C-alpha atoms as a PDB file:
ATOM      1  CA  UNK A   1      25.317 -24.641 -60.913  1.00  0.00           C
ATOM      2  CA  UNK A   2      24.821 -21.158 -59.508  1.00  0.00           C
ATOM      3  CA  UNK A   3      24.754 -20.016 -55.886  1.00  0.00           C
ATOM      4  CA  UNK A   4      21.238 -18.957 -54.890  1.00  0.00           C
ATOM      5  CA  UNK A   5      20.925 -15.616 -53.084  1.00  0.00           C
ATOM      6  CA  UNK A   6      18.023 -13.703 -51.640  1.00  0.00           C
ATOM      7  CA  UNK A   7      17.922 -10.780 -49.191  1.00  0.00           C
ATOM      8  CA  UNK A   8      16.556 -10.165 -45.724  1.00  0.00           C
ATOM      9  CA  UNK A   9      13.742  -7.979 -47.054  1.00  0.00           C
ATOM     10  CA  UNK A  10      12.091 -11.145 -48.325  1.00  0.00           C
ATOM     11  CA  UNK A  11      11.578 -12.066 -44.643  1.00  0.00           C
ATOM     12  CA  UNK A  12      12.227 -15.749 -45.337  1.00  0.00           C
ATOM     13  CA  UNK A  13      12.788 -17.194 -41.857  1.00  0.00           C
ATOM     14  CA  UNK A  14      16.304 -18.378 -41.044  1.00  0.00           C
ATOM     15  CA  UNK A  15      15.272 -22.036 -40.597  1.00  0.00           C
ATOM     16  CA  UNK A  16      14.109 -22.176 -44.220  1.00  0.00           C
ATOM     17  CA  UNK A  17      17.270 -20.370 -45.327  1.00  0.00           C
ATOM     18  CA  UNK A  18      19.411 -22.980 -43.587  1.00  0.00           C
ATOM     19  CA  UNK A  19      17.317 -25.922 -44.784  1.00  0.00           C
ATOM     20  CA  UNK A  20      17.649 -24.903 -48.435  1.00  0.00           C
ATOM     21  CA  UNK A  21      21.256 -23.723 -48.245  1.00  0.00           C
ATOM     22  CA  UNK A  22      20.377 -20.203 -49.401  1.00  0.00           C
ATOM     23  CA  UNK A  23      22.828 -17.316 -49.153  1.00  0.00           C
ATOM     24  CA  UNK A  24      21.294 -13.991 -48.227  1.00  0.00           C
ATOM     25  CA  UNK A  25      22.124 -10.305 -48.259  1.00  0.00           C
ATOM     26  CA  UNK A  26      21.423  -8.638 -44.933  1.00  0.00           C
ATOM     27  CA  UNK A  27      19.754  -5.259 -45.396  1.00  0.00           C
ATOM     28  CA  UNK A  28      21.004  -2.708 -42.831  1.00  0.00           C
ATOM     29  CA  UNK A  29      19.140  -0.637 -40.278  1.00  0.00           C
ATOM     30  CA  UNK A  30      20.427   1.783 -37.661  1.00  0.00           C
ATOM     31  CA  UNK A  31      19.060   1.908 -34.119  1.00  0.00           C
ATOM     32  CA  UNK A  32      20.381   4.219 -31.403  1.00  0.00           C
ATOM     33  CA  UNK A  33      23.323   5.151 -33.601  1.00  0.00           C
ATOM     34  CA  UNK A  34      24.456   1.573 -34.243  1.00  0.00           C
ATOM     35  CA  UNK A  35      24.091  -0.188 -37.595  1.00  0.00           C
ATOM     36  CA  UNK A  36      22.731  -3.725 -37.627  1.00  0.00           C
ATOM     37  CA  UNK A  37      22.025  -6.332 -40.268  1.00  0.00           C
ATOM     38  CA  UNK A  38      18.877  -8.455 -40.062  1.00  0.00           C
ATOM     39  CA  UNK A  39      19.672 -12.160 -39.650  1.00  0.00           C
ATOM     40  CA  UNK A  40      16.156 -13.366 -40.563  1.00  0.00           C
ATOM     41  CA  UNK A  41      15.108 -14.063 -37.006  1.00  0.00           C
ATOM     42  CA  UNK A  42      18.045 -16.064 -35.690  1.00  0.00           C
ATOM     43  CA  UNK A  43      18.964 -13.568 -32.956  1.00  0.00           C
ATOM     44  CA  UNK A  44      16.285 -10.931 -33.533  1.00  0.00           C
ATOM     45  CA  UNK A  45      14.576  -9.597 -30.386  1.00  0.00           C
ATOM     46  CA  UNK A  46      11.451  -8.177 -31.984  1.00  0.00           C
ATOM     47  CA  UNK A  47       9.851  -7.222 -28.665  1.00  0.00           C
ATOM     48  CA  UNK A  48      12.829  -5.046 -27.797  1.00  0.00           C
ATOM     49  CA  UNK A  49      12.900  -3.519 -31.278  1.00  0.00           C
ATOM     50  CA  UNK A  50       9.245  -2.481 -31.293  1.00  0.00           C
ATOM     51  CA  UNK A  51       9.390  -1.430 -27.649  1.00  0.00           C
ATOM     52  CA  UNK A  52      12.029   1.133 -28.564  1.00  0.00           C
ATOM     53  CA  UNK A  53       9.869   2.472 -31.391  1.00  0.00           C
ATOM     54  CA  UNK A  54       6.943   2.824 -28.991  1.00  0.00           C
ATOM     55  CA  UNK A  55       9.224   4.890 -26.745  1.00  0.00           C
ATOM     56  CA  UNK A  56      10.035   7.213 -29.624  1.00  0.00           C
ATOM     57  CA  UNK A  57      13.439   5.722 -30.514  1.00  0.00           C
ATOM     58  CA  UNK A  58      13.146   5.591 -34.283  1.00  0.00           C
ATOM     59  CA  UNK A  59      15.364   3.336 -36.432  1.00  0.00           C
ATOM     60  CA  UNK A  60      16.619   4.255 -39.886  1.00  0.00           C
ATOM     61  CA  UNK A  61      17.175   2.113 -42.962  1.00  0.00           C
ATOM     62  CA  UNK A  62      19.761   2.630 -45.684  1.00  0.00           C
ATOM     63  CA  UNK A  63      20.757   1.226 -49.048  1.00  0.00           C
ATOM     64  CA  UNK A  64      23.795  -0.954 -49.530  1.00  0.00           C
ATOM     65  CA  UNK A  65      26.641   0.504 -51.587  1.00  0.00           C
ATOM     66  CA  UNK A  66      28.302  -1.235 -54.578  1.00  0.00           C
ATOM     67  CA  UNK A  67      31.185  -2.485 -52.455  1.00  0.00           C
ATOM     68  CA  UNK A  68      28.772  -4.232 -50.096  1.00  0.00           C
ATOM     69  CA  UNK A  69      27.343  -6.256 -52.984  1.00  0.00           C
ATOM     70  CA  UNK A  70      30.818  -7.053 -54.284  1.00  0.00           C
ATOM     71  CA  UNK A  71      31.779  -8.399 -50.859  1.00  0.00           C
ATOM     72  CA  UNK A  72      28.759 -10.707 -50.860  1.00  0.00           C
ATOM     73  CA  UNK A  73      29.244 -12.080 -54.378  1.00  0.00           C
ATOM     74  CA  UNK A  74      32.986 -12.068 -55.080  1.00  0.00           C
ATOM     75  CA  UNK A  75      33.985 -15.004 -52.836  1.00  0.00           C
ATOM     76  CA  UNK A  76      31.740 -17.311 -54.890  1.00  0.00           C
ATOM     77  CA  UNK A  77      32.851 -15.881 -58.230  1.00  0.00           C
ATOM     78  CA  UNK A  78      36.458 -16.527 -57.210  1.00  0.00           C
ATOM     79  CA  UNK A  79      35.513 -20.178 -56.720  1.00  0.00           C
ATOM     80  CA  UNK A  80      34.109 -20.349 -60.249  1.00  0.00           C
ATOM     81  CA  UNK A  81      30.457 -20.142 -59.220  1.00  0.00           C
ATOM     82  CA  UNK A  82      27.735 -18.051 -60.831  1.00  0.00           C
ATOM     83  CA  UNK A  83      25.235 -15.968 -58.835  1.00  0.00           C
ATOM     84  CA  UNK A  84      21.430 -16.047 -59.026  1.00  0.00           C
ATOM     85  CA  UNK A  85      19.775 -13.468 -56.779  1.00  0.00           C
ATOM     86  CA  UNK A  86      16.007 -13.331 -56.101  1.00  0.00           C
ATOM     87  CA  UNK A  87      15.307  -9.822 -54.808  1.00  0.00           C
ATOM     88  CA  UNK A  88      12.617  -7.827 -53.068  1.00  0.00           C
ATOM     89  CA  UNK A  89      10.813  -5.229 -55.219  1.00  0.00           C
ATOM     90  CA  UNK A  90      13.044  -2.837 -57.158  1.00  0.00           C
ATOM     91  CA  UNK A  91      10.304  -0.222 -56.838  1.00  0.00           C
ATOM     92  CA  UNK A  92      10.795   0.047 -53.081  1.00  0.00           C
ATOM     93  CA  UNK A  93      14.470   0.967 -52.780  1.00  0.00           C
ATOM     94  CA  UNK A  94      17.292   2.845 -54.482  1.00  0.00           C
ATOM     95  CA  UNK A  95      19.705   0.066 -53.532  1.00  0.00           C
ATOM     96  CA  UNK A  96      19.316  -1.627 -56.929  1.00  0.00           C
ATOM     97  CA  UNK A  97      21.173   1.195 -58.677  1.00  0.00           C
ATOM     98  CA  UNK A  98      24.167   0.238 -56.535  1.00  0.00           C
ATOM     99  CA  UNK A  99      23.594  -3.448 -57.255  1.00  0.00           C
ATOM    100  CA  UNK A 100      23.792  -2.721 -60.992  1.00  0.00           C
ATOM    101  CA  UNK A 101      27.036  -0.805 -60.464  1.00  0.00           C
ATOM    102  CA  UNK A 102      28.505  -3.728 -58.542  1.00  0.00           C
ATOM    103  CA  UNK A 103      27.530  -6.178 -61.291  1.00  0.00           C
ATOM    104  CA  UNK A 104      29.334  -4.068 -63.903  1.00  0.00           C
ATOM    105  CA  UNK A 105      32.514  -4.178 -61.802  1.00  0.00           C
ATOM    106  CA  UNK A 106      32.232  -7.923 -61.218  1.00  0.00           C
ATOM    107  CA  UNK A 107      31.581  -8.713 -64.881  1.00  0.00           C
ATOM    108  CA  UNK A 108      34.764  -6.872 -65.853  1.00  0.00           C
ATOM    109  CA  UNK A 109      36.746  -8.764 -63.229  1.00  0.00           C
ATOM    110  CA  UNK A 110      35.142 -12.183 -63.833  1.00  0.00           C
ATOM    111  CA  UNK A 111      34.017 -12.155 -67.499  1.00  0.00           C
ATOM    112  CA  UNK A 112      33.518 -15.914 -67.557  1.00  0.00           C
ATOM    113  CA  UNK A 113      31.018 -15.794 -64.654  1.00  0.00           C
ATOM    114  CA  UNK A 114      27.422 -14.526 -64.502  1.00  0.00           C
ATOM    115  CA  UNK A 115      25.640 -12.466 -61.858  1.00  0.00           C
ATOM    116  CA  UNK A 116      21.905 -12.432 -62.533  1.00  0.00           C
ATOM    117  CA  UNK A 117      18.970 -11.241 -60.495  1.00  0.00           C
ATOM    118  CA  UNK A 118      15.191 -11.417 -60.784  1.00  0.00           C
ATOM    119  CA  UNK A 119      12.659  -9.158 -59.094  1.00  0.00           C
ATOM    120  CA  UNK A 120       9.860 -10.712 -57.005  1.00  0.00           C
ATOM    121  CA  UNK A 121       7.960  -7.401 -57.303  1.00  0.00           C
ATOM    122  CA  UNK A 122       7.027  -7.869 -53.663  1.00  0.00           C
ATOM    123  CA  UNK A 123       8.432  -7.401 -50.178  1.00  0.00           C
ATOM    124  CA  UNK A 124       8.308  -9.072 -46.770  1.00  0.00           C
ATOM    125  CA  UNK A 125       6.694 -12.489 -46.653  1.00  0.00           C
ATOM    126  CA  UNK A 126       5.201 -12.162 -50.145  1.00  0.00           C
ATOM    127  CA  UNK A 127       8.707 -11.925 -51.554  1.00  0.00           C
ATOM    128  CA  UNK A 128       9.708 -14.666 -49.130  1.00  0.00           C
ATOM    129  CA  UNK A 129       7.182 -17.147 -50.511  1.00  0.00           C
ATOM    130  CA  UNK A 130       8.418 -16.452 -54.042  1.00  0.00           C
ATOM    131  CA  UNK A 131      12.073 -16.803 -52.995  1.00  0.00           C
ATOM    132  CA  UNK A 132      11.281 -20.026 -51.134  1.00  0.00           C
ATOM    133  CA  UNK A 133       9.542 -21.692 -54.073  1.00  0.00           C
ATOM    134  CA  UNK A 134      12.314 -20.523 -56.422  1.00  0.00           C
ATOM    135  CA  UNK A 135      14.962 -21.927 -54.069  1.00  0.00           C
ATOM    136  CA  UNK A 136      13.189 -25.297 -53.910  1.00  0.00           C
ATOM    137  CA  UNK A 137      13.187 -25.394 -57.716  1.00  0.00           C
ATOM    138  CA  UNK A 138      16.875 -24.408 -57.803  1.00  0.00           C
ATOM    139  CA  UNK A 139      17.800 -27.073 -55.266  1.00  0.00           C
ATOM    140  CA  UNK A 140      16.084 -29.683 -57.430  1.00  0.00           C
ATOM    141  CA  UNK A 141      18.462 -28.815 -60.272  1.00  0.00           C
ATOM    142  CA  UNK A 142      16.578 -26.238 -62.331  1.00  0.00           C
ATOM    143  CA  UNK A 143      18.717 -23.970 -64.497  1.00  0.00           C
ATOM    144  CA  UNK A 144      18.965 -20.242 -63.828  1.00  0.00           C
ATOM    145  CA  UNK A 145      16.821 -19.580 -66.894  1.00  0.00           C
ATOM    146  CA  UNK A 146      14.161 -21.917 -65.542  1.00  0.00           C
ATOM    147  CA  UNK A 147      14.213 -20.319 -62.083  1.00  0.00           C
ATOM    148  CA  UNK A 148      13.987 -16.799 -63.529  1.00  0.00           C
ATOM    149  CA  UNK A 149      11.082 -17.797 -65.772  1.00  0.00           C
ATOM    150  CA  UNK A 150       9.336 -19.367 -62.777  1.00  0.00           C
ATOM    151  CA  UNK A 151       9.703 -16.213 -60.655  1.00  0.00           C
ATOM    152  CA  UNK A 152       8.497 -13.957 -63.470  1.00  0.00           C
ATOM    153  CA  UNK A 153       5.350 -16.070 -63.774  1.00  0.00           C
ATOM    154  CA  UNK A 154       4.746 -17.009 -60.119  1.00  0.00           C
ATOM    155  CA  UNK A 155       5.116 -13.435 -58.776  1.00  0.00           C
ATOM    156  CA  UNK A 156       1.881 -12.434 -60.532  1.00  0.00           C
ATOM    157  CA  UNK A 157      -0.024 -14.777 -58.233  1.00  0.00           C
ATOM    158  CA  UNK A 158       1.402 -13.856 -54.848  1.00  0.00           C
ATOM    159  CA  UNK A 159      -0.741 -11.231 -53.141  1.00  0.00           C
ATOM    160  CA  UNK A 160       0.769  -9.234 -50.259  1.00  0.00           C
ATOM    161  CA  UNK A 161      -1.456  -7.098 -48.039  1.00  0.00           C
ATOM    162  CA  UNK A 162      -0.692  -4.971 -44.976  1.00  0.00           C
ATOM    163  CA  UNK A 163      -2.578  -3.109 -42.295  1.00  0.00           C
ATOM    164  CA  UNK A 164      -0.848  -0.761 -39.861  1.00  0.00           C
ATOM    165  CA  UNK A 165      -1.857   0.601 -36.488  1.00  0.00           C
ATOM    166  CA  UNK A 166      -0.198   4.018 -36.642  1.00  0.00           C
ATOM    167  CA  UNK A 167      -0.324   5.875 -39.946  1.00  0.00           C
ATOM    168  CA  UNK A 168       2.460   8.221 -38.876  1.00  0.00           C
ATOM    169  CA  UNK A 169       5.095   5.580 -39.612  1.00  0.00           C
ATOM    170  CA  UNK A 170       3.930   5.406 -43.234  1.00  0.00           C
ATOM    171  CA  UNK A 171       3.894   9.194 -43.376  1.00  0.00           C
ATOM    172  CA  UNK A 172       7.480   9.339 -42.084  1.00  0.00           C
ATOM    173  CA  UNK A 173       8.532   6.896 -44.810  1.00  0.00           C
ATOM    174  CA  UNK A 174       6.818   8.981 -47.495  1.00  0.00           C
ATOM    175  CA  UNK A 175       4.115   6.377 -48.230  1.00  0.00           C
ATOM    176  CA  UNK A 176       1.174   8.657 -47.398  1.00  0.00           C
ATOM    177  CA  UNK A 177       0.680  12.413 -46.927  1.00  0.00           C
ATOM    178  CA  UNK A 178       0.658  14.169 -43.555  1.00  0.00           C
ATOM    179  CA  UNK A 179      -2.988  15.155 -44.032  1.00  0.00           C
ATOM    180  CA  UNK A 180      -4.024  11.553 -44.734  1.00  0.00           C
ATOM    181  CA  UNK A 181      -2.086  10.331 -41.693  1.00  0.00           C
ATOM    182  CA  UNK A 182      -3.626  12.888 -39.342  1.00  0.00           C
ATOM    183  CA  UNK A 183      -7.180  12.375 -40.623  1.00  0.00           C
ATOM    184  CA  UNK A 184      -6.858   8.610 -40.561  1.00  0.00           C
ATOM    185  CA  UNK A 185      -5.492   8.609 -37.028  1.00  0.00           C
ATOM    186  CA  UNK A 186      -8.209  10.983 -35.809  1.00  0.00           C
ATOM    187  CA  UNK A 187     -11.014   8.945 -37.397  1.00  0.00           C
ATOM    188  CA  UNK A 188      -9.573   5.593 -36.315  1.00  0.00           C
ATOM    189  CA  UNK A 189      -9.283   4.385 -39.890  1.00  0.00           C
ATOM    190  CA  UNK A 190      -7.030   1.429 -40.641  1.00  0.00           C
ATOM    191  CA  UNK A 191      -5.665   1.400 -44.191  1.00  0.00           C
ATOM    192  CA  UNK A 192      -5.430  -1.799 -46.192  1.00  0.00           C
ATOM    193  CA  UNK A 193      -2.332  -1.651 -48.356  1.00  0.00           C
ATOM    194  CA  UNK A 194      -0.966  -4.026 -50.921  1.00  0.00           C
ATOM    195  CA  UNK A 195       1.933  -4.484 -53.307  1.00  0.00           C
ATOM    196  CA  UNK A 196       0.609  -3.946 -56.820  1.00  0.00           C
ATOM    197  CA  UNK A 197       1.602  -5.535 -60.132  1.00  0.00           C
ATOM    198  CA  UNK A 198       4.495  -3.097 -60.522  1.00  0.00           C
ATOM    199  CA  UNK A 199       5.873  -3.890 -57.077  1.00  0.00           C
ATOM    200  CA  UNK A 200       4.746  -0.592 -55.517  1.00  0.00           C
ATOM    201  CA  UNK A 201       2.990  -0.222 -52.167  1.00  0.00           C
ATOM    202  CA  UNK A 202      -0.503   1.234 -52.620  1.00  0.00           C
ATOM    203  CA  UNK A 203      -3.596   1.793 -50.483  1.00  0.00           C
ATOM    204  CA  UNK A 204      -6.625  -0.208 -51.631  1.00  0.00           C
ATOM    205  CA  UNK A 205      -9.165   0.356 -48.857  1.00  0.00           C
ATOM    206  CA  UNK A 206      -9.811   1.700 -45.352  1.00  0.00           C
ATOM    207  CA  UNK A 207     -11.770   0.134 -42.521  1.00  0.00           C
ATOM    208  CA  UNK A 208     -12.844   1.426 -39.130  1.00  0.00           C
ATOM    209  CA  UNK A 209     -11.118  -0.364 -36.279  1.00  0.00           C
ATOM    210  CA  UNK A 210      -8.546  -3.065 -35.792  1.00  0.00           C
ATOM    211  CA  UNK A 211     -10.875  -6.062 -35.574  1.00  0.00           C
ATOM    212  CA  UNK A 212     -12.489  -5.148 -38.879  1.00  0.00           C
ATOM    213  CA  UNK A 213      -9.052  -4.843 -40.461  1.00  0.00           C
ATOM    214  CA  UNK A 214      -8.157  -8.367 -39.319  1.00  0.00           C
ATOM    215  CA  UNK A 215     -11.447  -9.767 -40.637  1.00  0.00           C
ATOM    216  CA  UNK A 216     -10.853  -7.938 -43.915  1.00  0.00           C
ATOM    217  CA  UNK A 217      -7.398  -9.508 -44.339  1.00  0.00           C
ATOM    218  CA  UNK A 218      -8.740 -12.979 -43.592  1.00  0.00           C
ATOM    219  CA  UNK A 219     -11.567 -12.537 -46.106  1.00  0.00           C
ATOM    220  CA  UNK A 220      -9.065 -11.743 -48.855  1.00  0.00           C
ATOM    221  CA  UNK A 221      -7.677 -15.282 -48.696  1.00  0.00           C
ATOM    222  CA  UNK A 222     -11.174 -16.603 -49.383  1.00  0.00           C
ATOM    223  CA  UNK A 223     -12.122 -14.124 -52.122  1.00  0.00           C
ATOM    224  CA  UNK A 224      -8.774 -13.789 -53.918  1.00  0.00           C
ATOM    225  CA  UNK A 225      -7.078 -17.051 -53.009  1.00  0.00           C
ATOM    226  CA  UNK A 226      -6.165 -19.669 -55.606  1.00  0.00           C
ATOM    227  CA  UNK A 227      -4.887 -23.144 -54.672  1.00  0.00           C
ATOM    228  CA  UNK A 228      -4.009 -21.715 -51.262  1.00  0.00           C
ATOM    229  CA  UNK A 229      -3.341 -25.148 -49.766  1.00  0.00           C
ATOM    230  CA  UNK A 230      -0.550 -25.770 -52.291  1.00  0.00           C
ATOM    231  CA  UNK A 231       1.696 -22.933 -51.071  1.00  0.00           C
ATOM    232  CA  UNK A 232       2.597 -21.312 -47.753  1.00  0.00           C
ATOM    233  CA  UNK A 233       0.408 -18.540 -46.395  1.00  0.00           C
ATOM    234  CA  UNK A 234       2.554 -15.949 -44.628  1.00  0.00           C
ATOM    235  CA  UNK A 235       1.511 -13.848 -41.637  1.00  0.00           C
ATOM    236  CA  UNK A 236       3.892 -11.274 -40.168  1.00  0.00           C
ATOM    237  CA  UNK A 237       3.261  -9.130 -37.109  1.00  0.00           C
ATOM    238  CA  UNK A 238       4.911  -6.121 -35.500  1.00  0.00           C
ATOM    239  CA  UNK A 239       4.799  -7.366 -31.893  1.00  0.00           C
ATOM    240  CA  UNK A 240       1.114  -8.267 -32.223  1.00  0.00           C
ATOM    241  CA  UNK A 241       1.214 -12.040 -31.881  1.00  0.00           C
ATOM    242  CA  UNK A 242      -2.293 -12.382 -30.436  1.00  0.00           C
ATOM    243  CA  UNK A 243      -3.773 -10.541 -33.415  1.00  0.00           C
ATOM    244  CA  UNK A 244      -1.653 -12.581 -35.813  1.00  0.00           C
ATOM    245  CA  UNK A 245      -2.992 -15.755 -34.206  1.00  0.00           C
ATOM    246  CA  UNK A 246      -6.537 -14.399 -34.537  1.00  0.00           C
ATOM    247  CA  UNK A 247      -5.875 -13.757 -38.230  1.00  0.00           C
ATOM    248  CA  UNK A 248      -4.502 -17.285 -38.612  1.00  0.00           C
ATOM    249  CA  UNK A 249      -7.588 -18.771 -36.923  1.00  0.00           C
ATOM    250  CA  UNK A 250      -9.976 -16.774 -39.131  1.00  0.00           C
ATOM    251  CA  UNK A 251      -8.130 -17.853 -42.273  1.00  0.00           C
ATOM    252  CA  UNK A 252      -8.340 -21.507 -41.215  1.00  0.00           C
ATOM    253  CA  UNK A 253     -12.070 -21.126 -40.584  1.00  0.00           C
ATOM    254  CA  UNK A 254     -12.545 -19.735 -44.080  1.00  0.00           C
ATOM    255  CA  UNK A 255     -10.304 -22.029 -46.155  1.00  0.00           C
ATOM    256  CA  UNK A 256      -9.597 -25.043 -43.938  1.00  0.00           C
ATOM    257  CA  UNK A 257      -7.118 -26.063 -41.272  1.00  0.00           C
ATOM    258  CA  UNK A 258      -4.969 -28.032 -43.722  1.00  0.00           C
ATOM    259  CA  UNK A 259      -3.358 -24.866 -45.107  1.00  0.00           C
ATOM    260  CA  UNK A 260       0.304 -24.303 -44.279  1.00  0.00           C
ATOM    261  CA  UNK A 261       0.711 -21.005 -42.415  1.00  0.00           C
ATOM    262  CA  UNK A 262       4.024 -19.330 -41.601  1.00  0.00           C
ATOM    263  CA  UNK A 263       3.548 -16.969 -38.645  1.00  0.00           C
ATOM    264  CA  UNK A 264       6.504 -14.866 -37.524  1.00  0.00           C
ATOM    265  CA  UNK A 265       7.476 -11.362 -36.365  1.00  0.00           C
ATOM    266  CA  UNK A 266       8.060  -8.748 -39.003  1.00  0.00           C
ATOM    267  CA  UNK A 267      11.714  -7.848 -39.491  1.00  0.00           C
ATOM    268  CA  UNK A 268      13.346  -4.558 -38.514  1.00  0.00           C
ATOM    269  CA  UNK A 269      13.733  -3.105 -42.011  1.00  0.00           C
ATOM    270  CA  UNK A 270      10.087  -3.419 -42.992  1.00  0.00           C
ATOM    271  CA  UNK A 271       9.071  -2.804 -39.369  1.00  0.00           C
ATOM    272  CA  UNK A 272      10.862   0.550 -39.411  1.00  0.00           C
ATOM    273  CA  UNK A 273       8.532   1.816 -42.125  1.00  0.00           C
ATOM    274  CA  UNK A 274       5.307   0.218 -40.863  1.00  0.00           C
ATOM    275  CA  UNK A 275       5.688   0.380 -37.084  1.00  0.00           C
ATOM    276  CA  UNK A 276       4.388  -1.710 -34.176  1.00  0.00           C
ATOM    277  CA  UNK A 277       1.225  -3.779 -34.593  1.00  0.00           C
ATOM    278  CA  UNK A 278       1.632  -4.036 -38.354  1.00  0.00           C
ATOM    279  CA  UNK A 279       0.037  -7.148 -39.794  1.00  0.00           C
ATOM    280  CA  UNK A 280       1.170  -8.465 -43.170  1.00  0.00           C
ATOM    281  CA  UNK A 281      -0.433 -11.295 -45.110  1.00  0.00           C
ATOM    282  CA  UNK A 282       0.710 -13.062 -48.282  1.00  0.00           C
ATOM    283  CA  UNK A 283      -0.860 -15.952 -50.175  1.00  0.00           C
ATOM    284  CA  UNK A 284      -1.250 -17.523 -53.630  1.00  0.00           C
ATOM    285  CA  UNK A 285      -4.020 -15.639 -55.411  1.00  0.00           C
ATOM    286  CA  UNK A 286      -5.890 -15.114 -58.650  1.00  0.00           C
ATOM    287  CA  UNK A 287      -4.425 -11.607 -58.802  1.00  0.00           C
ATOM    288  CA  UNK A 288      -2.060  -9.469 -56.734  1.00  0.00           C
ATOM    289  CA  UNK A 289      -4.504  -6.771 -55.749  1.00  0.00           C
ATOM    290  CA  UNK A 290      -8.167  -5.858 -55.579  1.00  0.00           C
ATOM    291  CA  UNK A 291      -9.706  -5.076 -58.957  1.00  0.00           C
ATOM    292  CA  UNK A 292     -10.395  -1.456 -59.892  1.00  0.00           C
ATOM    293  CA  UNK A 293      -7.715  -0.175 -57.547  1.00  0.00           C
END
């Protein structure tokens, strides 16, 4: 049986990681000149992290190099294990070029072993829900082929939406233009973004004001949701717990209190690009995005 891997950009909380025996790749970020790896919430001080951003201390993210991936995988290959890695969206990072290079090296060194990965075509808690369900299947004894087939089907029904408070963070990360950021900030517009079918981050709407943005996110669970009580609903926040709780309450009012909701702070890698007061929402849906967008 293979060793199941995911990465910290799936935002799967450390308690679930430990419960399922998942190995994970920690994506790096640099803050005040020191590189860190996200440990999926185990020691993460999110209030301190976002406080620094508010003070103008801006973190940076970077891709892993091939040797980093080799160091994660090789100990298990040496033991005669195969690797199955459920990743965040390939469309959102150049790190996968280095992953492919590492796999070539490892296949030459361990020709009898396999290193396979499958793309969730999502990020943050959307990718986390997919990784979680795949890991449950894996733990029950599913083959790698079965897990990969499951992810490739299930990912089409996990919708991931975001709203941010400060458009300048998206501008800095190259997600929107400077003109759009300035106009949006001036007019008080809050963009609604989502991860599309290709795994890219796109803007699907704009609303005026924060409260309307929260109501908009909650309404998506009602209008797009499919069998939402059968899977976790994920809510992430960038040091905006009160607003995340308001979003949770509105979702429960719309679809029932029996739904299982994961509510947690957004991690530093995604938080670097979205900034404080980001709200992210993921749920099982009829489609990944809003039609005609």
